[in-house]
Amino acid sequence: MILDVNDDVTMHEIVRELLRWEGYEVITADDGREGVEVALREQPDLILMNFMMPVMDGDRATRLLREYPRMRDVPIILNTACDGAQTLERLMASGFTDYFILPTGPCEIIGMVKRYRPVPE
C-alpha cells in the first residue's frame, strides 16, 4: 500500500490512477498532519510526501514519522517544486529516502515507486 500525502487534489487523482494502473493500492492524506495519522494507522509500504502543504509541511511530517521505530525503514519520497541544492540537502537530512522535482512525468513517478517497492503480484 502506498500513501500519497498532498494538498493538491489533482495530483492525488493523477498519482492514484497511475499507481493503481500499475497494480498498487493507494491511500491519500491531504496534509502532513493527516499523513502522519494515516501512516501510523495504516502502515503503508511507501509514502509519497509533498513538501509545501497547509497545517503541517512534508518536512515536519517526515521528521515526526521517523521518530516511530516502525516507520524508520518505510521509504518516504519527497515531491517538490524546489530544486535548490542546499534546500534539497536539508530536506534529505530530515529523513526522506529520495525525491523527485515537480513537474515530472508519469514514467518518473512510477519508476521512483518501483525502485523502492516492486509491483505487487
PDB file of N, CA and C in Angstrom:
ATOM      1  N   MET A   1       0.837  -1.172   0.000  1.00  0.00           N
ATOM      2  CA  MET A   1       0.000   0.000   0.000  1.00  0.00           C
ATOM      3  C   MET A   1       0.892   1.250   0.000  1.00  0.00           C
ATOM      4  N   ILE A   2       0.489   2.204  -0.809  1.00  0.00           N
ATOM      5  CA  ILE A   2       1.229   3.464  -0.919  1.00  0.00           C
ATOM      6  C   ILE A   2       0.361   4.586  -0.389  1.00  0.00           C
ATOM      7  N   LEU A   3       0.956   5.449   0.416  1.00  0.00           N
ATOM      8  CA  LEU A   3       0.278   6.634   0.938  1.00  0.00           C
ATOM      9  C   LEU A   3       0.771   7.854   0.172  1.00  0.00           C
ATOM     10  N   ASP A   4      -0.157   8.582  -0.432  1.00  0.00           N
ATOM     11  CA  ASP A   4       0.155   9.827  -1.132  1.00  0.00           C
ATOM     12  C   ASP A   4      -0.313  10.990  -0.251  1.00  0.00           C
ATOM     13  N   VAL A   5       0.639  11.793   0.233  1.00  0.00           N
ATOM     14  CA  VAL A   5       0.333  12.931   1.097  1.00  0.00           C
ATOM     15  C   VAL A   5       0.534  14.193   0.275  1.00  0.00           C
ATOM     16  N   ASN A   6      -0.573  14.864  -0.034  1.00  0.00           N
ATOM     17  CA  ASN A   6      -0.506  16.025  -0.913  1.00  0.00           C
ATOM     18  C   ASN A   6      -1.780  16.843  -0.752  1.00  0.00           C
ATOM     19  N   ASP A   7      -1.660  18.151  -0.739  1.00  0.00           N
ATOM     20  CA  ASP A   7      -2.834  19.014  -0.632  1.00  0.00           C
ATOM     21  C   ASP A   7      -3.447  19.330  -1.993  1.00  0.00           C
ATOM     22  N   ASP A   8      -2.858  18.856  -3.068  1.00  0.00           N
ATOM     23  CA  ASP A   8      -3.336  19.106  -4.426  1.00  0.00           C
ATOM     24  C   ASP A   8      -4.219  17.941  -4.881  1.00  0.00           C
ATOM     25  N   VAL A   9      -5.522  18.192  -4.984  1.00  0.00           N
ATOM     26  CA  VAL A   9      -6.484  17.153  -5.336  1.00  0.00           C
ATOM     27  C   VAL A   9      -6.184  16.557  -6.711  1.00  0.00           C
ATOM     28  N   THR A  10      -5.802  17.383  -7.652  1.00  0.00           N
ATOM     29  CA  THR A  10      -5.479  16.892  -8.993  1.00  0.00           C
ATOM     30  C   THR A  10      -4.295  15.944  -8.947  1.00  0.00           C
ATOM     31  N   MET A  11      -3.287  16.291  -8.175  1.00  0.00           N
ATOM     32  CA  MET A  11      -2.104  15.421  -8.056  1.00  0.00           C
ATOM     33  C   MET A  11      -2.483  14.087  -7.415  1.00  0.00           C
ATOM     34  N   HIS A  12      -3.375  14.119  -6.403  1.00  0.00           N
ATOM     35  CA  HIS A  12      -3.871  12.869  -5.806  1.00  0.00           C
ATOM     36  C   HIS A  12      -4.474  11.972  -6.878  1.00  0.00           C
ATOM     37  N   GLU A  13      -5.330  12.556  -7.702  1.00  0.00           N
ATOM     38  CA  GLU A  13      -6.009  11.771  -8.728  1.00  0.00           C
ATOM     39  C   GLU A  13      -5.021  11.182  -9.727  1.00  0.00           C
ATOM     40  N   ILE A  14      -4.063  11.986 -10.146  1.00  0.00           N
ATOM     41  CA  ILE A  14      -3.058  11.511 -11.104  1.00  0.00           C
ATOM     42  C   ILE A  14      -2.249  10.360 -10.515  1.00  0.00           C
ATOM     43  N   VAL A  15      -1.722  10.574  -9.315  1.00  0.00           N
ATOM     44  CA  VAL A  15      -0.891   9.553  -8.667  1.00  0.00           C
ATOM     45  C   VAL A  15      -1.707   8.290  -8.414  1.00  0.00           C
ATOM     46  N   ARG A  16      -2.911   8.461  -7.899  1.00  0.00           N
ATOM     47  CA  ARG A  16      -3.750   7.297  -7.596  1.00  0.00           C
ATOM     48  C   ARG A  16      -4.017   6.472  -8.856  1.00  0.00           C
ATOM     49  N   GLU A  17      -4.399   7.128  -9.933  1.00  0.00           N
ATOM     50  CA  GLU A  17      -4.697   6.401 -11.166  1.00  0.00           C
ATOM     51  C   GLU A  17      -3.445   5.762 -11.777  1.00  0.00           C
ATOM     52  N   LEU A  18      -2.343   6.495 -11.791  1.00  0.00           N
ATOM     53  CA  LEU A  18      -1.089   5.939 -12.316  1.00  0.00           C
ATOM     54  C   LEU A  18      -0.686   4.671 -11.579  1.00  0.00           C
ATOM     55  N   LEU A  19      -0.696   4.751 -10.265  1.00  0.00           N
ATOM     56  CA  LEU A  19      -0.206   3.633  -9.470  1.00  0.00           C
ATOM     57  C   LEU A  19      -1.207   2.483  -9.417  1.00  0.00           C
ATOM     58  N   ARG A  20      -2.478   2.785  -9.418  1.00  0.00           N
ATOM     59  CA  ARG A  20      -3.474   1.705  -9.466  1.00  0.00           C
ATOM     60  C   ARG A  20      -3.377   0.956 -10.787  1.00  0.00           C
ATOM     61  N   TRP A  21      -3.131   1.686 -11.853  1.00  0.00           N
ATOM     62  CA  TRP A  21      -2.959   1.072 -13.173  1.00  0.00           C
ATOM     63  C   TRP A  21      -1.799   0.068 -13.139  1.00  0.00           C
ATOM     64  N   GLU A  22      -0.782   0.378 -12.339  1.00  0.00           N
ATOM     65  CA  GLU A  22       0.387  -0.490 -12.215  1.00  0.00           C
ATOM     66  C   GLU A  22       0.172  -1.628 -11.213  1.00  0.00           C
ATOM     67  N   GLY A  23      -0.944  -1.609 -10.480  1.00  0.00           N
ATOM     68  CA  GLY A  23      -1.247  -2.696  -9.547  1.00  0.00           C
ATOM     69  C   GLY A  23      -1.071  -2.368  -8.078  1.00  0.00           C
ATOM     70  N   TYR A  24      -0.799  -1.112  -7.758  1.00  0.00           N
ATOM     71  CA  TYR A  24      -0.620  -0.712  -6.367  1.00  0.00           C
ATOM     72  C   TYR A  24      -1.936  -0.277  -5.741  1.00  0.00           C
ATOM     73  N   GLU A  25      -2.055  -0.484  -4.443  1.00  0.00           N
ATOM     74  CA  GLU A  25      -3.155   0.084  -3.668  1.00  0.00           C
ATOM     75  C   GLU A  25      -2.678   1.445  -3.173  1.00  0.00           C
ATOM     76  N   VAL A  26      -3.509   2.475  -3.323  1.00  0.00           N
ATOM     77  CA  VAL A  26      -3.124   3.833  -2.949  1.00  0.00           C
ATOM     78  C   VAL A  26      -4.153   4.429  -1.998  1.00  0.00           C
ATOM     79  N   ILE A  27      -3.662   4.988  -0.900  1.00  0.00           N
ATOM     80  CA  ILE A  27      -4.500   5.759   0.011  1.00  0.00           C
ATOM     81  C   ILE A  27      -3.941   7.180   0.047  1.00  0.00           C
ATOM     82  N   THR A  28      -4.743   8.129   0.501  1.00  0.00           N
ATOM     83  CA  THR A  28      -4.321   9.524   0.452  1.00  0.00           C
ATOM     84  C   THR A  28      -4.528  10.236   1.780  1.00  0.00           C
ATOM     85  N   ALA A  29      -3.783  11.335   1.917  1.00  0.00           N
ATOM     86  CA  ALA A  29      -3.942  12.275   3.024  1.00  0.00           C
ATOM     87  C   ALA A  29      -3.727  13.664   2.447  1.00  0.00           C
ATOM     88  N   ASP A  30      -4.436  14.651   2.981  1.00  0.00           N
ATOM     89  CA  ASP A  30      -4.455  15.988   2.387  1.00  0.00           C
ATOM     90  C   ASP A  30      -3.475  16.989   2.992  1.00  0.00           C
ATOM     91  N   ASP A  31      -2.782  16.626   4.048  1.00  0.00           N
ATOM     92  CA  ASP A  31      -1.754  17.494   4.623  1.00  0.00           C
ATOM     93  C   ASP A  31      -0.840  16.641   5.495  1.00  0.00           C
ATOM     94  N   GLY A  32       0.223  17.234   5.980  1.00  0.00           N
ATOM     95  CA  GLY A  32       1.209  16.488   6.746  1.00  0.00           C
ATOM     96  C   GLY A  32       0.676  15.866   8.019  1.00  0.00           C
ATOM     97  N   ARG A  33      -0.154  16.599   8.737  1.00  0.00           N
ATOM     98  CA  ARG A  33      -0.694  16.062   9.994  1.00  0.00           C
ATOM     99  C   ARG A  33      -1.564  14.838   9.720  1.00  0.00           C
ATOM    100  N   GLU A  34      -2.439  14.950   8.718  1.00  0.00           N
ATOM    101  CA  GLU A  34      -3.271  13.811   8.355  1.00  0.00           C
ATOM    102  C   GLU A  34      -2.395  12.665   7.829  1.00  0.00           C
ATOM    103  N   GLY A  35      -1.331  13.003   7.102  1.00  0.00           N
ATOM    104  CA  GLY A  35      -0.416  11.991   6.604  1.00  0.00           C
ATOM    105  C   GLY A  35       0.222  11.178   7.711  1.00  0.00           C
ATOM    106  N   VAL A  36       0.633  11.852   8.771  1.00  0.00           N
ATOM    107  CA  VAL A  36       1.221  11.153   9.933  1.00  0.00           C
ATOM    108  C   VAL A  36       0.183  10.225  10.548  1.00  0.00           C
ATOM    109  N   GLU A  37      -1.025  10.724  10.751  1.00  0.00           N
ATOM    110  CA  GLU A  37      -2.089   9.914  11.352  1.00  0.00           C
ATOM    111  C   GLU A  37      -2.403   8.689  10.501  1.00  0.00           C
ATOM    112  N   VAL A  38      -2.558   8.886   9.199  1.00  0.00           N
ATOM    113  CA  VAL A  38      -2.884   7.777   8.302  1.00  0.00           C
ATOM    114  C   VAL A  38      -1.727   6.776   8.250  1.00  0.00           C
ATOM    115  N   ALA A  39      -0.496   7.271   8.175  1.00  0.00           N
ATOM    116  CA  ALA A  39       0.669   6.384   8.112  1.00  0.00           C
ATOM    117  C   ALA A  39       0.774   5.508   9.359  1.00  0.00           C
ATOM    118  N   LEU A  40       0.568   6.087  10.511  1.00  0.00           N
ATOM    119  CA  LEU A  40       0.665   5.314  11.748  1.00  0.00           C
ATOM    120  C   LEU A  40      -0.469   4.294  11.864  1.00  0.00           C
ATOM    121  N   ARG A  41      -1.630   4.653  11.358  1.00  0.00           N
ATOM    122  CA  ARG A  41      -2.784   3.752  11.429  1.00  0.00           C
ATOM    123  C   ARG A  41      -2.706   2.652  10.372  1.00  0.00           C
ATOM    124  N   GLU A  42      -2.334   2.996   9.133  1.00  0.00           N
ATOM    125  CA  GLU A  42      -2.408   2.060   8.008  1.00  0.00           C
ATOM    126  C   GLU A  42      -1.109   1.326   7.689  1.00  0.00           C
ATOM    127  N   GLN A  43       0.024   1.820   8.178  1.00  0.00           N
ATOM    128  CA  GLN A  43       1.319   1.180   7.940  1.00  0.00           C
ATOM    129  C   GLN A  43       1.613   0.956   6.447  1.00  0.00           C
ATOM    130  N   PRO A  44       1.690   2.035   5.655  1.00  0.00           N
ATOM    131  CA  PRO A  44       1.960   1.863   4.226  1.00  0.00           C
ATOM    132  C   PRO A  44       3.364   1.319   3.977  1.00  0.00           C
ATOM    133  N   ASP A  45       3.557   0.773   2.776  1.00  0.00           N
ATOM    134  CA  ASP A  45       4.867   0.253   2.372  1.00  0.00           C
ATOM    135  C   ASP A  45       5.769   1.352   1.830  1.00  0.00           C
ATOM    136  N   LEU A  46       5.163   2.460   1.414  1.00  0.00           N
ATOM    137  CA  LEU A  46       5.898   3.580   0.829  1.00  0.00           C
ATOM    138  C   LEU A  46       5.023   4.825   0.952  1.00  0.00           C
ATOM    139  N   ILE A  47       5.674   5.978   1.147  1.00  0.00           N
ATOM    140  CA  ILE A  47       4.947   7.239   1.267  1.00  0.00           C
ATOM    141  C   ILE A  47       5.502   8.227   0.248  1.00  0.00           C
ATOM    142  N   LEU A  48       4.595   8.840  -0.519  1.00  0.00           N
ATOM    143  CA  LEU A  48       4.937   9.972  -1.376  1.00  0.00           C
ATOM    144  C   LEU A  48       4.520  11.215  -0.607  1.00  0.00           C
ATOM    145  N   MET A  49       5.457  12.102  -0.326  1.00  0.00           N
ATOM    146  CA  MET A  49       5.200  13.249   0.556  1.00  0.00           C
ATOM    147  C   MET A  49       5.500  14.553  -0.167  1.00  0.00           C
ATOM    148  N   ASN A  50       4.481  15.391  -0.290  1.00  0.00           N
ATOM    149  CA  ASN A  50       4.678  16.727  -0.835  1.00  0.00           C
ATOM    150  C   ASN A  50       5.389  17.574   0.220  1.00  0.00           C
ATOM    151  N   PHE A  51       6.085  18.603  -0.213  1.00  0.00           N
ATOM    152  CA  PHE A  51       6.799  19.471   0.726  1.00  0.00           C
ATOM    153  C   PHE A  51       5.916  20.588   1.254  1.00  0.00           C
ATOM    154  N   MET A  52       5.393  21.419   0.372  1.00  0.00           N
ATOM    155  CA  MET A  52       4.612  22.587   0.769  1.00  0.00           C
ATOM    156  C   MET A  52       3.139  22.211   0.922  1.00  0.00           C
ATOM    157  N   MET A  53       2.660  22.182   2.182  1.00  0.00           N
ATOM    158  CA  MET A  53       1.260  21.869   2.463  1.00  0.00           C
ATOM    159  C   MET A  53       0.793  22.696   3.654  1.00  0.00           C
ATOM    160  N   PRO A  54      -0.509  22.953   3.718  1.00  0.00           N
ATOM    161  CA  PRO A  54      -1.038  23.644   4.891  1.00  0.00           C
ATOM    162  C   PRO A  54      -1.050  22.711   6.100  1.00  0.00           C
ATOM    163  N   VAL A  55      -1.291  23.242   7.246  1.00  0.00           N
ATOM    164  CA  VAL A  55      -1.394  22.546   8.531  1.00  0.00           C
ATOM    165  C   VAL A  55      -0.023  22.041   8.985  1.00  0.00           C
ATOM    166  N   MET A  56       0.606  21.155   8.215  1.00  0.00           N
ATOM    167  CA  MET A  56       1.953  20.661   8.521  1.00  0.00           C
ATOM    168  C   MET A  56       2.642  20.325   7.212  1.00  0.00           C
ATOM    169  N   ASP A  57       3.854  20.851   7.026  1.00  0.00           N
ATOM    170  CA  ASP A  57       4.561  20.573   5.772  1.00  0.00           C
ATOM    171  C   ASP A  57       5.194  19.181   5.787  1.00  0.00           C
ATOM    172  N   GLY A  58       5.663  18.756   4.632  1.00  0.00           N
ATOM    173  CA  GLY A  58       6.231  17.425   4.495  1.00  0.00           C
ATOM    174  C   GLY A  58       7.502  17.208   5.286  1.00  0.00           C
ATOM    175  N   ASP A  59       8.268  18.254   5.482  1.00  0.00           N
ATOM    176  CA  ASP A  59       9.496  18.175   6.264  1.00  0.00           C
ATOM    177  C   ASP A  59       9.176  17.788   7.709  1.00  0.00           C
ATOM    178  N   ARG A  60       8.259  18.506   8.317  1.00  0.00           N
ATOM    179  CA  ARG A  60       7.878  18.240   9.716  1.00  0.00           C
ATOM    180  C   ARG A  60       7.214  16.866   9.837  1.00  0.00           C
ATOM    181  N   ALA A  61       6.337  16.537   8.889  1.00  0.00           N
ATOM    182  CA  ALA A  61       5.655  15.242   8.931  1.00  0.00           C
ATOM    183  C   ALA A  61       6.661  14.090   8.855  1.00  0.00           C
ATOM    184  N   THR A  62       7.651  14.222   7.994  1.00  0.00           N
ATOM    185  CA  THR A  62       8.664  13.171   7.854  1.00  0.00           C
ATOM    186  C   THR A  62       9.493  13.047   9.120  1.00  0.00           C
ATOM    187  N   ARG A  63       9.879  14.163   9.693  1.00  0.00           N
ATOM    188  CA  ARG A  63      10.625  14.116  10.956  1.00  0.00           C
ATOM    189  C   ARG A  63       9.831  13.394  12.041  1.00  0.00           C
ATOM    190  N   LEU A  64       8.536  13.701  12.129  1.00  0.00           N
ATOM    191  CA  LEU A  64       7.686  13.030  13.125  1.00  0.00           C
ATOM    192  C   LEU A  64       7.587  11.532  12.857  1.00  0.00           C
ATOM    193  N   LEU A  65       7.365  11.159  11.602  1.00  0.00           N
ATOM    194  CA  LEU A  65       7.248   9.734  11.280  1.00  0.00           C
ATOM    195  C   LEU A  65       8.519   8.969  11.613  1.00  0.00           C
ATOM    196  N   ARG A  66       9.657   9.563  11.369  1.00  0.00           N
ATOM    197  CA  ARG A  66      10.927   8.876  11.624  1.00  0.00           C
ATOM    198  C   ARG A  66      11.192   8.664  13.116  1.00  0.00           C
ATOM    199  N   GLU A  67      10.429   9.318  13.990  1.00  0.00           N
ATOM    200  CA  GLU A  67      10.564   9.093  15.432  1.00  0.00           C
ATOM    201  C   GLU A  67       9.958   7.759  15.869  1.00  0.00           C
ATOM    202  N   TYR A  68       9.105   7.172  15.029  1.00  0.00           N
ATOM    203  CA  TYR A  68       8.461   5.904  15.349  1.00  0.00           C
ATOM    204  C   TYR A  68       9.280   4.758  14.758  1.00  0.00           C
ATOM    205  N   PRO A  69       9.709   3.816  15.600  1.00  0.00           N
ATOM    206  CA  PRO A  69      10.537   2.713  15.108  1.00  0.00           C
ATOM    207  C   PRO A  69       9.935   1.987  13.907  1.00  0.00           C
ATOM    208  N   ARG A  70       8.637   1.800  13.894  1.00  0.00           N
ATOM    209  CA  ARG A  70       8.001   1.065  12.795  1.00  0.00           C
ATOM    210  C   ARG A  70       7.979   1.847  11.487  1.00  0.00           C
ATOM    211  N   MET A  71       8.285   3.153  11.537  1.00  0.00           N
ATOM    212  CA  MET A  71       8.290   3.989  10.336  1.00  0.00           C
ATOM    213  C   MET A  71       9.701   4.316   9.854  1.00  0.00           C
ATOM    214  N   ARG A  72      10.711   3.880  10.570  1.00  0.00           N
ATOM    215  CA  ARG A  72      12.093   4.251  10.222  1.00  0.00           C
ATOM    216  C   ARG A  72      12.557   3.681   8.896  1.00  0.00           C
ATOM    217  N   ASP A  73      12.054   2.518   8.508  1.00  0.00           N
ATOM    218  CA  ASP A  73      12.515   1.887   7.274  1.00  0.00           C
ATOM    219  C   ASP A  73      11.539   2.034   6.106  1.00  0.00           C
ATOM    220  N   VAL A  74      10.434   2.716   6.330  1.00  0.00           N
ATOM    221  CA  VAL A  74       9.468   2.931   5.250  1.00  0.00           C
ATOM    222  C   VAL A  74      10.022   4.014   4.327  1.00  0.00           C
ATOM    223  N   PRO A  75      10.162   3.736   3.026  1.00  0.00           N
ATOM    224  CA  PRO A  75      10.644   4.776   2.122  1.00  0.00           C
ATOM    225  C   PRO A  75       9.660   5.952   2.066  1.00  0.00           C
ATOM    226  N   ILE A  76      10.189   7.153   2.227  1.00  0.00           N
ATOM    227  CA  ILE A  76       9.391   8.377   2.098  1.00  0.00           C
ATOM    228  C   ILE A  76      10.029   9.188   0.986  1.00  0.00           C
ATOM    229  N   ILE A  77       9.269   9.362  -0.093  1.00  0.00           N
ATOM    230  CA  ILE A  77       9.783  10.055  -1.270  1.00  0.00           C
ATOM    231  C   ILE A  77       9.195  11.457  -1.322  1.00  0.00           C
ATOM    232  N   LEU A  78      10.069  12.415  -1.294  1.00  0.00           N
ATOM    233  CA  LEU A  78       9.693  13.822  -1.358  1.00  0.00           C
ATOM    234  C   LEU A  78       9.343  14.197  -2.789  1.00  0.00           C
ATOM    235  N   ASN A  79       8.246  14.921  -2.962  1.00  0.00           N
ATOM    236  CA  ASN A  79       7.981  15.539  -4.251  1.00  0.00           C
ATOM    237  C   ASN A  79       7.824  17.029  -4.017  1.00  0.00           C
ATOM    238  N   THR A  80       8.628  17.797  -4.740  1.00  0.00           N
ATOM    239  CA  THR A  80       8.696  19.229  -4.502  1.00  0.00           C
ATOM    240  C   THR A  80       9.011  19.984  -5.784  1.00  0.00           C
ATOM    241  N   ALA A  81       8.584  21.217  -5.831  1.00  0.00           N
ATOM    242  CA  ALA A  81       8.929  22.085  -6.960  1.00  0.00           C
ATOM    243  C   ALA A  81      10.251  22.796  -6.702  1.00  0.00           C
ATOM    244  N   CYS A  82      10.779  22.679  -5.493  1.00  0.00           N
ATOM    245  CA  CYS A  82      12.041  23.325  -5.118  1.00  0.00           C
ATOM    246  C   CYS A  82      13.208  22.503  -5.637  1.00  0.00           C
ATOM    247  N   ASP A  83      14.131  23.155  -6.336  1.00  0.00           N
ATOM    248  CA  ASP A  83      15.271  22.400  -6.837  1.00  0.00           C
ATOM    249  C   ASP A  83      16.608  22.985  -6.390  1.00  0.00           C
ATOM    250  N   GLY A  84      16.601  23.811  -5.357  1.00  0.00           N
ATOM    251  CA  GLY A  84      17.844  24.341  -4.824  1.00  0.00           C
ATOM    252  C   GLY A  84      18.635  23.255  -4.114  1.00  0.00           C
ATOM    253  N   ALA A  85      19.899  23.118  -4.437  1.00  0.00           N
ATOM    254  CA  ALA A  85      20.725  22.038  -3.888  1.00  0.00           C
ATOM    255  C   ALA A  85      20.785  22.076  -2.362  1.00  0.00           C
ATOM    256  N   GLN A  86      20.945  23.263  -1.774  1.00  0.00           N
ATOM    257  CA  GLN A  86      21.028  23.354  -0.311  1.00  0.00           C
ATOM    258  C   GLN A  86      19.711  22.965   0.337  1.00  0.00           C
ATOM    259  N   THR A  87      18.601  23.390  -0.248  1.00  0.00           N
ATOM    260  CA  THR A  87      17.290  23.037   0.300  1.00  0.00           C
ATOM    261  C   THR A  87      17.065  21.542   0.216  1.00  0.00           C
ATOM    262  N   LEU A  88      17.382  20.945  -0.918  1.00  0.00           N
ATOM    263  CA  LEU A  88      17.205  19.503  -1.071  1.00  0.00           C
ATOM    264  C   LEU A  88      18.096  18.734  -0.103  1.00  0.00           C
ATOM    265  N   GLU A  89      19.299  19.197   0.088  1.00  0.00           N
ATOM    266  CA  GLU A  89      20.215  18.540   1.037  1.00  0.00           C
ATOM    267  C   GLU A  89      19.634  18.582   2.448  1.00  0.00           C
ATOM    268  N   ARG A  90      19.105  19.733   2.840  1.00  0.00           N
ATOM    269  CA  ARG A  90      18.493  19.871   4.173  1.00  0.00           C
ATOM    270  C   ARG A  90      17.279  18.952   4.300  1.00  0.00           C
ATOM    271  N   LEU A  91      16.455  18.910   3.252  1.00  0.00           N
ATOM    272  CA  LEU A  91      15.270  18.072   3.295  1.00  0.00           C
ATOM    273  C   LEU A  91      15.632  16.589   3.370  1.00  0.00           C
ATOM    274  N   MET A  92      16.623  16.176   2.630  1.00  0.00           N
ATOM    275  CA  MET A  92      17.032  14.775   2.683  1.00  0.00           C
ATOM    276  C   MET A  92      17.532  14.408   4.079  1.00  0.00           C
ATOM    277  N   ALA A  93      18.132  15.357   4.769  1.00  0.00           N
ATOM    278  CA  ALA A  93      18.593  15.118   6.136  1.00  0.00           C
ATOM    279  C   ALA A  93      17.423  14.948   7.104  1.00  0.00           C
ATOM    280  N   SER A  94      16.229  15.370   6.699  1.00  0.00           N
ATOM    281  CA  SER A  94      15.031  15.230   7.534  1.00  0.00           C
ATOM    282  C   SER A  94      14.551  13.791   7.615  1.00  0.00           C
ATOM    283  N   GLY A  95      15.013  12.956   6.710  1.00  0.00           N
ATOM    284  CA  GLY A  95      14.598  11.566   6.738  1.00  0.00           C
ATOM    285  C   GLY A  95      13.954  11.062   5.467  1.00  0.00           C
ATOM    286  N   PHE A  96      13.913  11.907   4.428  1.00  0.00           N
ATOM    287  CA  PHE A  96      13.394  11.434   3.152  1.00  0.00           C
ATOM    288  C   PHE A  96      14.353  10.406   2.574  1.00  0.00           C
ATOM    289  N   THR A  97      13.819   9.440   1.865  1.00  0.00           N
ATOM    290  CA  THR A  97      14.612   8.398   1.236  1.00  0.00           C
ATOM    291  C   THR A  97      15.130   8.852  -0.124  1.00  0.00           C
ATOM    292  N   ASP A  98      14.288   9.585  -0.845  1.00  0.00           N
ATOM    293  CA  ASP A  98      14.619  10.042  -2.193  1.00  0.00           C
ATOM    294  C   ASP A  98      13.688  11.193  -2.524  1.00  0.00           C
ATOM    295  N   TYR A  99      13.817  11.736  -3.730  1.00  0.00           N
ATOM    296  CA  TYR A  99      12.958  12.850  -4.128  1.00  0.00           C
ATOM    297  C   TYR A  99      12.803  12.896  -5.639  1.00  0.00           C
ATOM    298  N   PHE A 100      11.750  13.578  -6.072  1.00  0.00           N
ATOM    299  CA  PHE A 100      11.646  13.976  -7.464  1.00  0.00           C
ATOM    300  C   PHE A 100      11.138  15.410  -7.504  1.00  0.00           C
ATOM    301  N   ILE A 101      11.600  16.128  -8.526  1.00  0.00           N
ATOM    302  CA  ILE A 101      11.282  17.540  -8.690  1.00  0.00           C
ATOM    303  C   ILE A 101      10.039  17.664  -9.581  1.00  0.00           C
ATOM    304  N   LEU A 102       9.086  18.442  -9.121  1.00  0.00           N
ATOM    305  CA  LEU A 102       7.890  18.721  -9.913  1.00  0.00           C
ATOM    306  C   LEU A 102       8.123  19.909 -10.830  1.00  0.00           C
ATOM    307  N   PRO A 103       7.519  20.007 -11.980  1.00  0.00           N
ATOM    308  CA  PRO A 103       6.649  18.973 -12.535  1.00  0.00           C
ATOM    309  C   PRO A 103       7.471  17.798 -13.052  1.00  0.00           C
ATOM    310  N   THR A 104       6.866  16.645 -13.009  1.00  0.00           N
ATOM    311  CA  THR A 104       7.509  15.438 -13.515  1.00  0.00           C
ATOM    312  C   THR A 104       6.478  14.607 -14.258  1.00  0.00           C
ATOM    313  N   GLY A 105       6.944  13.703 -15.058  1.00  0.00           N
ATOM    314  CA  GLY A 105       6.041  12.886 -15.851  1.00  0.00           C
ATOM    315  C   GLY A 105       5.665  11.595 -15.156  1.00  0.00           C
ATOM    316  N   PRO A 106       4.663  10.909 -15.689  1.00  0.00           N
ATOM    317  CA  PRO A 106       4.194   9.657 -15.104  1.00  0.00           C
ATOM    318  C   PRO A 106       5.274   8.587 -15.024  1.00  0.00           C
ATOM    319  N   CYS A 107       6.134   8.509 -16.018  1.00  0.00           N
ATOM    320  CA  CYS A 107       7.195   7.491 -16.008  1.00  0.00           C
ATOM    321  C   CYS A 107       8.146   7.681 -14.838  1.00  0.00           C
ATOM    322  N   GLU A 108       8.447   8.929 -14.506  1.00  0.00           N
ATOM    323  CA  GLU A 108       9.353   9.205 -13.388  1.00  0.00           C
ATOM    324  C   GLU A 108       8.716   8.811 -12.055  1.00  0.00           C
ATOM    325  N   ILE A 109       7.426   9.106 -11.905  1.00  0.00           N
ATOM    326  CA  ILE A 109       6.725   8.750 -10.665  1.00  0.00           C
ATOM    327  C   ILE A 109       6.675   7.232 -10.509  1.00  0.00           C
ATOM    328  N   ILE A 110       6.251   6.552 -11.548  1.00  0.00           N
ATOM    329  CA  ILE A 110       6.159   5.088 -11.495  1.00  0.00           C
ATOM    330  C   ILE A 110       7.539   4.472 -11.275  1.00  0.00           C
ATOM    331  N   GLY A 111       8.541   4.980 -11.976  1.00  0.00           N
ATOM    332  CA  GLY A 111       9.898   4.461 -11.814  1.00  0.00           C
ATOM    333  C   GLY A 111      10.423   4.628 -10.402  1.00  0.00           C
ATOM    334  N   MET A 112      10.147   5.780  -9.801  1.00  0.00           N
ATOM    335  CA  MET A 112      10.604   6.024  -8.425  1.00  0.00           C
ATOM    336  C   MET A 112       9.922   5.050  -7.465  1.00  0.00           C
ATOM    337  N   VAL A 113       8.630   4.852  -7.605  1.00  0.00           N
ATOM    338  CA  VAL A 113       7.910   3.924  -6.727  1.00  0.00           C
ATOM    339  C   VAL A 113       8.438   2.508  -6.915  1.00  0.00           C
ATOM    340  N   LYS A 114       8.610   2.068  -8.163  1.00  0.00           N
ATOM    341  CA  LYS A 114       9.104   0.704  -8.418  1.00  0.00           C
ATOM    342  C   LYS A 114      10.514   0.494  -7.895  1.00  0.00           C
ATOM    343  N   ARG A 115      11.298   1.553  -7.830  1.00  0.00           N
ATOM    344  CA  ARG A 115      12.663   1.440  -7.299  1.00  0.00           C
ATOM    345  C   ARG A 115      12.636   0.971  -5.843  1.00  0.00           C
ATOM    346  N   TYR A 116      11.639   1.424  -5.096  1.00  0.00           N
ATOM    347  CA  TYR A 116      11.581   1.096  -3.667  1.00  0.00           C
ATOM    348  C   TYR A 116      10.562   0.030  -3.306  1.00  0.00           C
ATOM    349  N   ARG A 117       9.552  -0.144  -4.132  1.00  0.00           N
ATOM    350  CA  ARG A 117       8.529  -1.169  -3.888  1.00  0.00           C
ATOM    351  C   ARG A 117       8.106  -1.766  -5.224  1.00  0.00           C
ATOM    352  N   PRO A 118       8.592  -2.972  -5.534  1.00  0.00           N
ATOM    353  CA  PRO A 118       8.192  -3.618  -6.786  1.00  0.00           C
ATOM    354  C   PRO A 118       6.671  -3.762  -6.854  1.00  0.00           C
ATOM    355  N   VAL A 119       6.162  -3.889  -8.059  1.00  0.00           N
ATOM    356  CA  VAL A 119       4.726  -4.048  -8.256  1.00  0.00           C
ATOM    357  C   VAL A 119       4.260  -5.308  -7.548  1.00  0.00           C
ATOM    358  N   PRO A 120       3.184  -5.209  -6.774  1.00  0.00           N
ATOM    359  CA  PRO A 120       2.672  -6.395  -6.080  1.00  0.00           C
ATOM    360  C   PRO A 120       2.144  -7.417  -7.084  1.00  0.00           C
ATOM    361  N   GLU A 121       2.248  -8.671  -6.695  1.00  0.00           N
ATOM    362  CA  GLU A 121       1.760  -9.743  -7.585  1.00  0.00           C
ATOM    363  C   GLU A 121       0.337 -10.090  -7.275  1.00  0.00           C
TER     364      GLU A 121
END
